[in-house]
Amino acid sequence: MTRMRVKLTFPEALIREPIVARMVTELGVVPNIRRADVGEHTGWIVCELGGGGADVDRAVHWLQAEGVQVDLLGDVVES
């Protein structure tokens, strides 16, 4: 299992979209949400993305392609 700490920043156009739920169902990557702030115009989530190493990397690229800003916050932890 690989866990990657990230900050996900959502633009206004994606605030009401179920991006995180789609990531779980479509990519099999599970977020452990540590902190979040979502308003009407913007939002962010600090979380650990957990899953297989290739799946986590694929999820990061998928999120970026969907329009989410992904900032890596720390080391990748494998167990």
PDB file of N, CA and C in Angstrom:
ATOM      1  N   MET A   1       0.858  -1.180   0.000  1.00  0.00           N
ATOM      2  CA  MET A   1       0.000   0.000   0.000  1.00  0.00           C
ATOM      3  C   MET A   1       0.895   1.231   0.000  1.00  0.00           C
ATOM      4  N   THR A   2       0.584   2.165  -0.869  1.00  0.00           N
ATOM      5  CA  THR A   2       1.290   3.445  -0.942  1.00  0.00           C
ATOM      6  C   THR A   2       0.351   4.533  -0.473  1.00  0.00           C
ATOM      7  N   ARG A   3       0.895   5.479   0.294  1.00  0.00           N
ATOM      8  CA  ARG A   3       0.124   6.638   0.723  1.00  0.00           C
ATOM      9  C   ARG A   3       0.903   7.894   0.336  1.00  0.00           C
ATOM     10  N   MET A   4       0.218   8.822  -0.299  1.00  0.00           N
ATOM     11  CA  MET A   4       0.830  10.073  -0.735  1.00  0.00           C
ATOM     12  C   MET A   4       0.046  11.227  -0.131  1.00  0.00           C
ATOM     13  N   ARG A   5       0.738  12.133   0.566  1.00  0.00           N
ATOM     14  CA  ARG A   5       0.088  13.314   1.155  1.00  0.00           C
ATOM     15  C   ARG A   5      -0.001  14.410   0.103  1.00  0.00           C
ATOM     16  N   VAL A   6      -1.213  14.926  -0.092  1.00  0.00           N
ATOM     17  CA  VAL A   6      -1.446  15.944  -1.117  1.00  0.00           C
ATOM     18  C   VAL A   6      -2.419  17.002  -0.612  1.00  0.00           C
ATOM     19  N   LYS A   7      -2.373  18.151  -1.264  1.00  0.00           N
ATOM     20  CA  LYS A   7      -3.407  19.169  -1.097  1.00  0.00           C
ATOM     21  C   LYS A   7      -4.101  19.283  -2.447  1.00  0.00           C
ATOM     22  N   LEU A   8      -5.405  19.097  -2.444  1.00  0.00           N
ATOM     23  CA  LEU A   8      -6.212  19.194  -3.652  1.00  0.00           C
ATOM     24  C   LEU A   8      -6.967  20.514  -3.603  1.00  0.00           C
ATOM     25  N   THR A   9      -6.785  21.354  -4.613  1.00  0.00           N
ATOM     26  CA  THR A   9      -7.472  22.638  -4.682  1.00  0.00           C
ATOM     27  C   THR A   9      -8.433  22.602  -5.863  1.00  0.00           C
ATOM     28  N   PHE A  10      -9.695  22.873  -5.570  1.00  0.00           N
ATOM     29  CA  PHE A  10     -10.754  22.769  -6.565  1.00  0.00           C
ATOM     30  C   PHE A  10     -11.188  24.157  -7.030  1.00  0.00           C
ATOM     31  N   PRO A  11     -11.235  24.385  -8.356  1.00  0.00           N
ATOM     32  CA  PRO A  11     -11.755  25.657  -8.856  1.00  0.00           C
ATOM     33  C   PRO A  11     -13.279  25.699  -8.710  1.00  0.00           C
ATOM     34  N   GLU A  12     -13.819  26.876  -8.857  1.00  0.00           N
ATOM     35  CA  GLU A  12     -15.262  27.072  -8.676  1.00  0.00           C
ATOM     36  C   GLU A  12     -16.100  26.118  -9.528  1.00  0.00           C
ATOM     37  N   ALA A  13     -15.669  25.851 -10.739  1.00  0.00           N
ATOM     38  CA  ALA A  13     -16.447  24.999 -11.639  1.00  0.00           C
ATOM     39  C   ALA A  13     -16.565  23.555 -11.141  1.00  0.00           C
ATOM     40  N   LEU A  14     -15.667  23.132 -10.246  1.00  0.00           N
ATOM     41  CA  LEU A  14     -15.684  21.742  -9.776  1.00  0.00           C
ATOM     42  C   LEU A  14     -16.195  21.574  -8.358  1.00  0.00           C
ATOM     43  N   ILE A  15     -16.561  22.666  -7.687  1.00  0.00           N
ATOM     44  CA  ILE A  15     -16.962  22.596  -6.282  1.00  0.00           C
ATOM     45  C   ILE A  15     -18.122  21.628  -6.062  1.00  0.00           C
ATOM     46  N   ARG A  16     -19.077  21.609  -6.945  1.00  0.00           N
ATOM     47  CA  ARG A  16     -20.262  20.759  -6.756  1.00  0.00           C
ATOM     48  C   ARG A  16     -20.142  19.398  -7.438  1.00  0.00           C
ATOM     49  N   GLU A  17     -18.998  19.102  -8.030  1.00  0.00           N
ATOM     50  CA  GLU A  17     -18.800  17.821  -8.721  1.00  0.00           C
ATOM     51  C   GLU A  17     -18.259  16.769  -7.749  1.00  0.00           C
ATOM     52  N   PRO A  18     -18.682  15.523  -7.881  1.00  0.00           N
ATOM     53  CA  PRO A  18     -18.221  14.459  -6.975  1.00  0.00           C
ATOM     54  C   PRO A  18     -16.864  13.881  -7.403  1.00  0.00           C
ATOM     55  N   ILE A  19     -15.869  14.733  -7.504  1.00  0.00           N
ATOM     56  CA  ILE A  19     -14.551  14.319  -7.999  1.00  0.00           C
ATOM     57  C   ILE A  19     -13.928  13.247  -7.106  1.00  0.00           C
ATOM     58  N   VAL A  20     -13.958  13.454  -5.797  1.00  0.00           N
ATOM     59  CA  VAL A  20     -13.332  12.499  -4.879  1.00  0.00           C
ATOM     60  C   VAL A  20     -14.061  11.155  -4.932  1.00  0.00           C
ATOM     61  N   ALA A  21     -15.369  11.172  -4.970  1.00  0.00           N
ATOM     62  CA  ALA A  21     -16.139   9.928  -5.064  1.00  0.00           C
ATOM     63  C   ALA A  21     -15.826   9.194  -6.366  1.00  0.00           C
ATOM     64  N   ARG A  22     -15.701   9.918  -7.456  1.00  0.00           N
ATOM     65  CA  ARG A  22     -15.348   9.294  -8.737  1.00  0.00           C
ATOM     66  C   ARG A  22     -13.958   8.685  -8.675  1.00  0.00           C
ATOM     67  N   MET A  23     -13.012   9.367  -8.017  1.00  0.00           N
ATOM     68  CA  MET A  23     -11.654   8.833  -7.893  1.00  0.00           C
ATOM     69  C   MET A  23     -11.688   7.484  -7.169  1.00  0.00           C
ATOM     70  N   VAL A  24     -12.497   7.401  -6.117  1.00  0.00           N
ATOM     71  CA  VAL A  24     -12.594   6.155  -5.355  1.00  0.00           C
ATOM     72  C   VAL A  24     -13.184   5.042  -6.215  1.00  0.00           C
ATOM     73  N   THR A  25     -14.301   5.312  -6.877  1.00  0.00           N
ATOM     74  CA  THR A  25     -14.982   4.260  -7.630  1.00  0.00           C
ATOM     75  C   THR A  25     -14.283   3.914  -8.938  1.00  0.00           C
ATOM     76  N   GLU A  26     -13.738   4.888  -9.623  1.00  0.00           N
ATOM     77  CA  GLU A  26     -13.126   4.642 -10.928  1.00  0.00           C
ATOM     78  C   GLU A  26     -11.668   4.179 -10.838  1.00  0.00           C
ATOM     79  N   LEU A  27     -10.935   4.661  -9.825  1.00  0.00           N
ATOM     80  CA  LEU A  27      -9.508   4.376  -9.758  1.00  0.00           C
ATOM     81  C   LEU A  27      -9.112   3.502  -8.574  1.00  0.00           C
ATOM     82  N   GLY A  28     -10.018   3.296  -7.633  1.00  0.00           N
ATOM     83  CA  GLY A  28      -9.718   2.450  -6.491  1.00  0.00           C
ATOM     84  C   GLY A  28      -8.742   3.053  -5.491  1.00  0.00           C
ATOM     85  N   VAL A  29      -8.575   4.368  -5.521  1.00  0.00           N
ATOM     86  CA  VAL A  29      -7.690   5.067  -4.587  1.00  0.00           C
ATOM     87  C   VAL A  29      -8.558   5.684  -3.497  1.00  0.00           C
ATOM     88  N   VAL A  30      -8.154   5.469  -2.242  1.00  0.00           N
ATOM     89  CA  VAL A  30      -8.957   5.912  -1.100  1.00  0.00           C
ATOM     90  C   VAL A  30      -8.283   7.097  -0.414  1.00  0.00           C
ATOM     91  N   PRO A  31      -9.010   8.208  -0.254  1.00  0.00           N
ATOM     92  CA  PRO A  31      -8.440   9.352   0.446  1.00  0.00           C
ATOM     93  C   PRO A  31      -8.706   9.267   1.954  1.00  0.00           C
ATOM     94  N   ASN A  32      -7.715   9.644   2.723  1.00  0.00           N
ATOM     95  CA  ASN A  32      -7.882   9.824   4.162  1.00  0.00           C
ATOM     96  C   ASN A  32      -7.829  11.333   4.380  1.00  0.00           C
ATOM     97  N   ILE A  33      -8.991  11.957   4.499  1.00  0.00           N
ATOM     98  CA  ILE A  33      -9.072  13.414   4.562  1.00  0.00           C
ATOM     99  C   ILE A  33      -8.648  13.885   5.952  1.00  0.00           C
ATOM    100  N   ARG A  34      -7.650  14.757   5.976  1.00  0.00           N
ATOM    101  CA  ARG A  34      -7.100  15.269   7.234  1.00  0.00           C
ATOM    102  C   ARG A  34      -7.602  16.671   7.555  1.00  0.00           C
ATOM    103  N   ARG A  35      -7.877  17.444   6.542  1.00  0.00           N
ATOM    104  CA  ARG A  35      -8.335  18.819   6.730  1.00  0.00           C
ATOM    105  C   ARG A  35      -8.992  19.255   5.419  1.00  0.00           C
ATOM    106  N   ALA A  36     -10.002  20.115   5.512  1.00  0.00           N
ATOM    107  CA  ALA A  36     -10.669  20.592   4.300  1.00  0.00           C
ATOM    108  C   ALA A  36     -11.370  21.913   4.576  1.00  0.00           C
ATOM    109  N   ASP A  37     -11.541  22.673   3.507  1.00  0.00           N
ATOM    110  CA  ASP A  37     -12.317  23.918   3.557  1.00  0.00           C
ATOM    111  C   ASP A  37     -12.960  24.082   2.187  1.00  0.00           C
ATOM    112  N   VAL A  38     -14.274  23.999   2.158  1.00  0.00           N
ATOM    113  CA  VAL A  38     -14.998  24.099   0.891  1.00  0.00           C
ATOM    114  C   VAL A  38     -16.038  25.205   1.021  1.00  0.00           C
ATOM    115  N   GLY A  39     -15.980  26.154   0.108  1.00  0.00           N
ATOM    116  CA  GLY A  39     -16.945  27.249   0.081  1.00  0.00           C
ATOM    117  C   GLY A  39     -17.702  27.236  -1.231  1.00  0.00           C
ATOM    118  N   GLU A  40     -18.379  28.316  -1.514  1.00  0.00           N
ATOM    119  CA  GLU A  40     -19.153  28.399  -2.746  1.00  0.00           C
ATOM    120  C   GLU A  40     -18.290  28.585  -3.978  1.00  0.00           C
ATOM    121  N   HIS A  41     -17.118  29.209  -3.831  1.00  0.00           N
ATOM    122  CA  HIS A  41     -16.318  29.561  -4.996  1.00  0.00           C
ATOM    123  C   HIS A  41     -15.014  28.792  -5.124  1.00  0.00           C
ATOM    124  N   THR A  42     -14.528  28.234  -4.061  1.00  0.00           N
ATOM    125  CA  THR A  42     -13.292  27.463  -4.116  1.00  0.00           C
ATOM    126  C   THR A  42     -13.251  26.510  -2.935  1.00  0.00           C
ATOM    127  N   GLY A  43     -12.367  25.538  -3.009  1.00  0.00           N
ATOM    128  CA  GLY A  43     -12.237  24.600  -1.904  1.00  0.00           C
ATOM    129  C   GLY A  43     -10.926  23.853  -1.984  1.00  0.00           C
ATOM    130  N   TRP A  44     -10.503  23.322  -0.854  1.00  0.00           N
ATOM    131  CA  TRP A  44      -9.287  22.520  -0.823  1.00  0.00           C
ATOM    132  C   TRP A  44      -9.446  21.392   0.183  1.00  0.00           C
ATOM    133  N   ILE A  45      -8.684  20.329  -0.050  1.00  0.00           N
ATOM    134  CA  ILE A  45      -8.663  19.166   0.828  1.00  0.00           C
ATOM    135  C   ILE A  45      -7.202  18.763   1.013  1.00  0.00           C
ATOM    136  N   VAL A  46      -6.793  18.558   2.254  1.00  0.00           N
ATOM    137  CA  VAL A  46      -5.493  17.961   2.542  1.00  0.00           C
ATOM    138  C   VAL A  46      -5.782  16.514   2.911  1.00  0.00           C
ATOM    139  N   CYS A  47      -5.159  15.585   2.201  1.00  0.00           N
ATOM    140  CA  CYS A  47      -5.446  14.177   2.451  1.00  0.00           C
ATOM    141  C   CYS A  47      -4.262  13.296   2.077  1.00  0.00           C
ATOM    142  N   GLU A  48      -4.371  12.038   2.479  1.00  0.00           N
ATOM    143  CA  GLU A  48      -3.449  11.006   2.043  1.00  0.00           C
ATOM    144  C   GLU A  48      -4.198  10.157   1.033  1.00  0.00           C
ATOM    145  N   LEU A  49      -3.600   9.949  -0.124  1.00  0.00           N
ATOM    146  CA  LEU A  49      -4.190   9.068  -1.129  1.00  0.00           C
ATOM    147  C   LEU A  49      -3.577   7.696  -0.936  1.00  0.00           C
ATOM    148  N   GLY A  50      -4.403   6.685  -0.727  1.00  0.00           N
ATOM    149  CA  GLY A  50      -3.908   5.342  -0.468  1.00  0.00           C
ATOM    150  C   GLY A  50      -4.333   4.365  -1.536  1.00  0.00           C
ATOM    151  N   GLY A  51      -3.399   3.474  -1.900  1.00  0.00           N
ATOM    152  CA  GLY A  51      -3.678   2.446  -2.882  1.00  0.00           C
ATOM    153  C   GLY A  51      -2.383   1.861  -3.396  1.00  0.00           C
ATOM    154  N   GLY A  52      -2.453   1.096  -4.457  1.00  0.00           N
ATOM    155  CA  GLY A  52      -1.247   0.593  -5.098  1.00  0.00           C
ATOM    156  C   GLY A  52      -0.437   1.754  -5.662  1.00  0.00           C
ATOM    157  N   GLY A  53       0.880   1.607  -5.711  1.00  0.00           N
ATOM    158  CA  GLY A  53       1.747   2.695  -6.164  1.00  0.00           C
ATOM    159  C   GLY A  53       1.361   3.270  -7.513  1.00  0.00           C
ATOM    160  N   ALA A  54       1.126   2.404  -8.484  1.00  0.00           N
ATOM    161  CA  ALA A  54       0.745   2.864  -9.818  1.00  0.00           C
ATOM    162  C   ALA A  54      -0.639   3.511  -9.794  1.00  0.00           C
ATOM    163  N   ASP A  55      -1.540   2.992  -8.949  1.00  0.00           N
ATOM    164  CA  ASP A  55      -2.885   3.546  -8.856  1.00  0.00           C
ATOM    165  C   ASP A  55      -2.863   4.965  -8.278  1.00  0.00           C
ATOM    166  N   VAL A  56      -2.028   5.184  -7.264  1.00  0.00           N
ATOM    167  CA  VAL A  56      -1.930   6.513  -6.663  1.00  0.00           C
ATOM    168  C   VAL A  56      -1.372   7.508  -7.670  1.00  0.00           C
ATOM    169  N   ASP A  57      -0.322   7.115  -8.391  1.00  0.00           N
ATOM    170  CA  ASP A  57       0.243   7.996  -9.424  1.00  0.00           C
ATOM    171  C   ASP A  57      -0.795   8.301 -10.500  1.00  0.00           C
ATOM    172  N   ARG A  58      -1.530   7.280 -10.895  1.00  0.00           N
ATOM    173  CA  ARG A  58      -2.573   7.465 -11.922  1.00  0.00           C
ATOM    174  C   ARG A  58      -3.664   8.401 -11.418  1.00  0.00           C
ATOM    175  N   ALA A  59      -4.004   8.299 -10.123  1.00  0.00           N
ATOM    176  CA  ALA A  59      -5.028   9.168  -9.534  1.00  0.00           C
ATOM    177  C   ALA A  59      -4.580  10.627  -9.538  1.00  0.00           C
ATOM    178  N   VAL A  60      -3.306  10.873  -9.250  1.00  0.00           N
ATOM    179  CA  VAL A  60      -2.784  12.247  -9.262  1.00  0.00           C
ATOM    180  C   VAL A  60      -2.918  12.834 -10.663  1.00  0.00           C
ATOM    181  N   HIS A  61      -2.520  12.077 -11.663  1.00  0.00           N
ATOM    182  CA  HIS A  61      -2.619  12.563 -13.048  1.00  0.00           C
ATOM    183  C   HIS A  61      -4.080  12.740 -13.468  1.00  0.00           C
ATOM    184  N   TRP A  62      -4.937  11.839 -13.028  1.00  0.00           N
ATOM    185  CA  TRP A  62      -6.371  11.935 -13.347  1.00  0.00           C
ATOM    186  C   TRP A  62      -6.969  13.192 -12.733  1.00  0.00           C
ATOM    187  N   LEU A  63      -6.656  13.457 -11.455  1.00  0.00           N
ATOM    188  CA  LEU A  63      -7.154  14.659 -10.791  1.00  0.00           C
ATOM    189  C   LEU A  63      -6.716  15.919 -11.531  1.00  0.00           C
ATOM    190  N   GLN A  64      -5.460  15.961 -11.928  1.00  0.00           N
ATOM    191  CA  GLN A  64      -4.951  17.119 -12.672  1.00  0.00           C
ATOM    192  C   GLN A  64      -5.679  17.270 -13.999  1.00  0.00           C
ATOM    193  N   ALA A  65      -5.918  16.170 -14.692  1.00  0.00           N
ATOM    194  CA  ALA A  65      -6.628  16.218 -15.972  1.00  0.00           C
ATOM    195  C   ALA A  65      -8.072  16.698 -15.791  1.00  0.00           C
ATOM    196  N   GLU A  66      -8.660  16.419 -14.625  1.00  0.00           N
ATOM    197  CA  GLU A  66     -10.025  16.874 -14.329  1.00  0.00           C
ATOM    198  C   GLU A  66     -10.069  18.363 -13.982  1.00  0.00           C
ATOM    199  N   GLY A  67      -8.915  18.983 -13.732  1.00  0.00           N
ATOM    200  CA  GLY A  67      -8.872  20.402 -13.419  1.00  0.00           C
ATOM    201  C   GLY A  67      -8.569  20.721 -11.967  1.00  0.00           C
ATOM    202  N   VAL A  68      -8.213  19.701 -11.177  1.00  0.00           N
ATOM    203  CA  VAL A  68      -7.876  19.892  -9.767  1.00  0.00           C
ATOM    204  C   VAL A  68      -6.382  20.185  -9.664  1.00  0.00           C
ATOM    205  N   GLN A  69      -6.028  21.196  -8.883  1.00  0.00           N
ATOM    206  CA  GLN A  69      -4.618  21.474  -8.628  1.00  0.00           C
ATOM    207  C   GLN A  69      -4.145  20.505  -7.546  1.00  0.00           C
ATOM    208  N   VAL A  70      -3.068  19.775  -7.822  1.00  0.00           N
ATOM    209  CA  VAL A  70      -2.544  18.791  -6.873  1.00  0.00           C
ATOM    210  C   VAL A  70      -1.155  19.241  -6.433  1.00  0.00           C
ATOM    211  N   ASP A  71      -1.007  19.499  -5.136  1.00  0.00           N
ATOM    212  CA  ASP A  71       0.291  19.854  -4.561  1.00  0.00           C
ATOM    213  C   ASP A  71       0.737  18.725  -3.653  1.00  0.00           C
ATOM    214  N   LEU A  72       1.935  18.197  -3.885  1.00  0.00           N
ATOM    215  CA  LEU A  72       2.481  17.134  -3.037  1.00  0.00           C
ATOM    216  C   LEU A  72       2.970  17.772  -1.747  1.00  0.00           C
ATOM    217  N   LEU A  73       2.608  17.174  -0.611  1.00  0.00           N
ATOM    218  CA  LEU A  73       2.930  17.760   0.686  1.00  0.00           C
ATOM    219  C   LEU A  73       4.030  17.040   1.437  1.00  0.00           C
ATOM    220  N   GLY A  74       4.380  15.868   1.042  1.00  0.00           N
ATOM    221  CA  GLY A  74       5.392  15.147   1.800  1.00  0.00           C
ATOM    222  C   GLY A  74       5.817  13.890   1.086  1.00  0.00           C
ATOM    223  N   ASP A  75       6.509  13.084   1.824  1.00  0.00           N
ATOM    224  CA  ASP A  75       7.046  11.844   1.286  1.00  0.00           C
ATOM    225  C   ASP A  75       5.939  10.853   0.979  1.00  0.00           C
ATOM    226  N   VAL A  76       6.217  10.000   0.033  1.00  0.00           N
ATOM    227  CA  VAL A  76       5.347   8.861  -0.263  1.00  0.00           C
ATOM    228  C   VAL A  76       5.692   7.771   0.743  1.00  0.00           C
ATOM    229  N   VAL A  77       4.697   7.210   1.375  1.00  0.00           N
ATOM    230  CA  VAL A  77       4.922   6.173   2.373  1.00  0.00           C
ATOM    231  C   VAL A  77       4.405   4.848   1.826  1.00  0.00           C
ATOM    232  N   GLU A  78       5.284   3.849   1.778  1.00  0.00           N
ATOM    233  CA  GLU A  78       4.881   2.528   1.314  1.00  0.00           C
ATOM    234  C   GLU A  78       4.904   1.576   2.489  1.00  0.00           C
ATOM    235  N   SER A  79       3.897   0.710   2.571  1.00  0.00           N
ATOM    236  CA  SER A  79       3.897  -0.282   3.654  1.00  0.00           C
ATOM    237  C   SER A  79       3.542  -1.645   3.121  1.00  0.00           C
TER     238      SER A  79
END
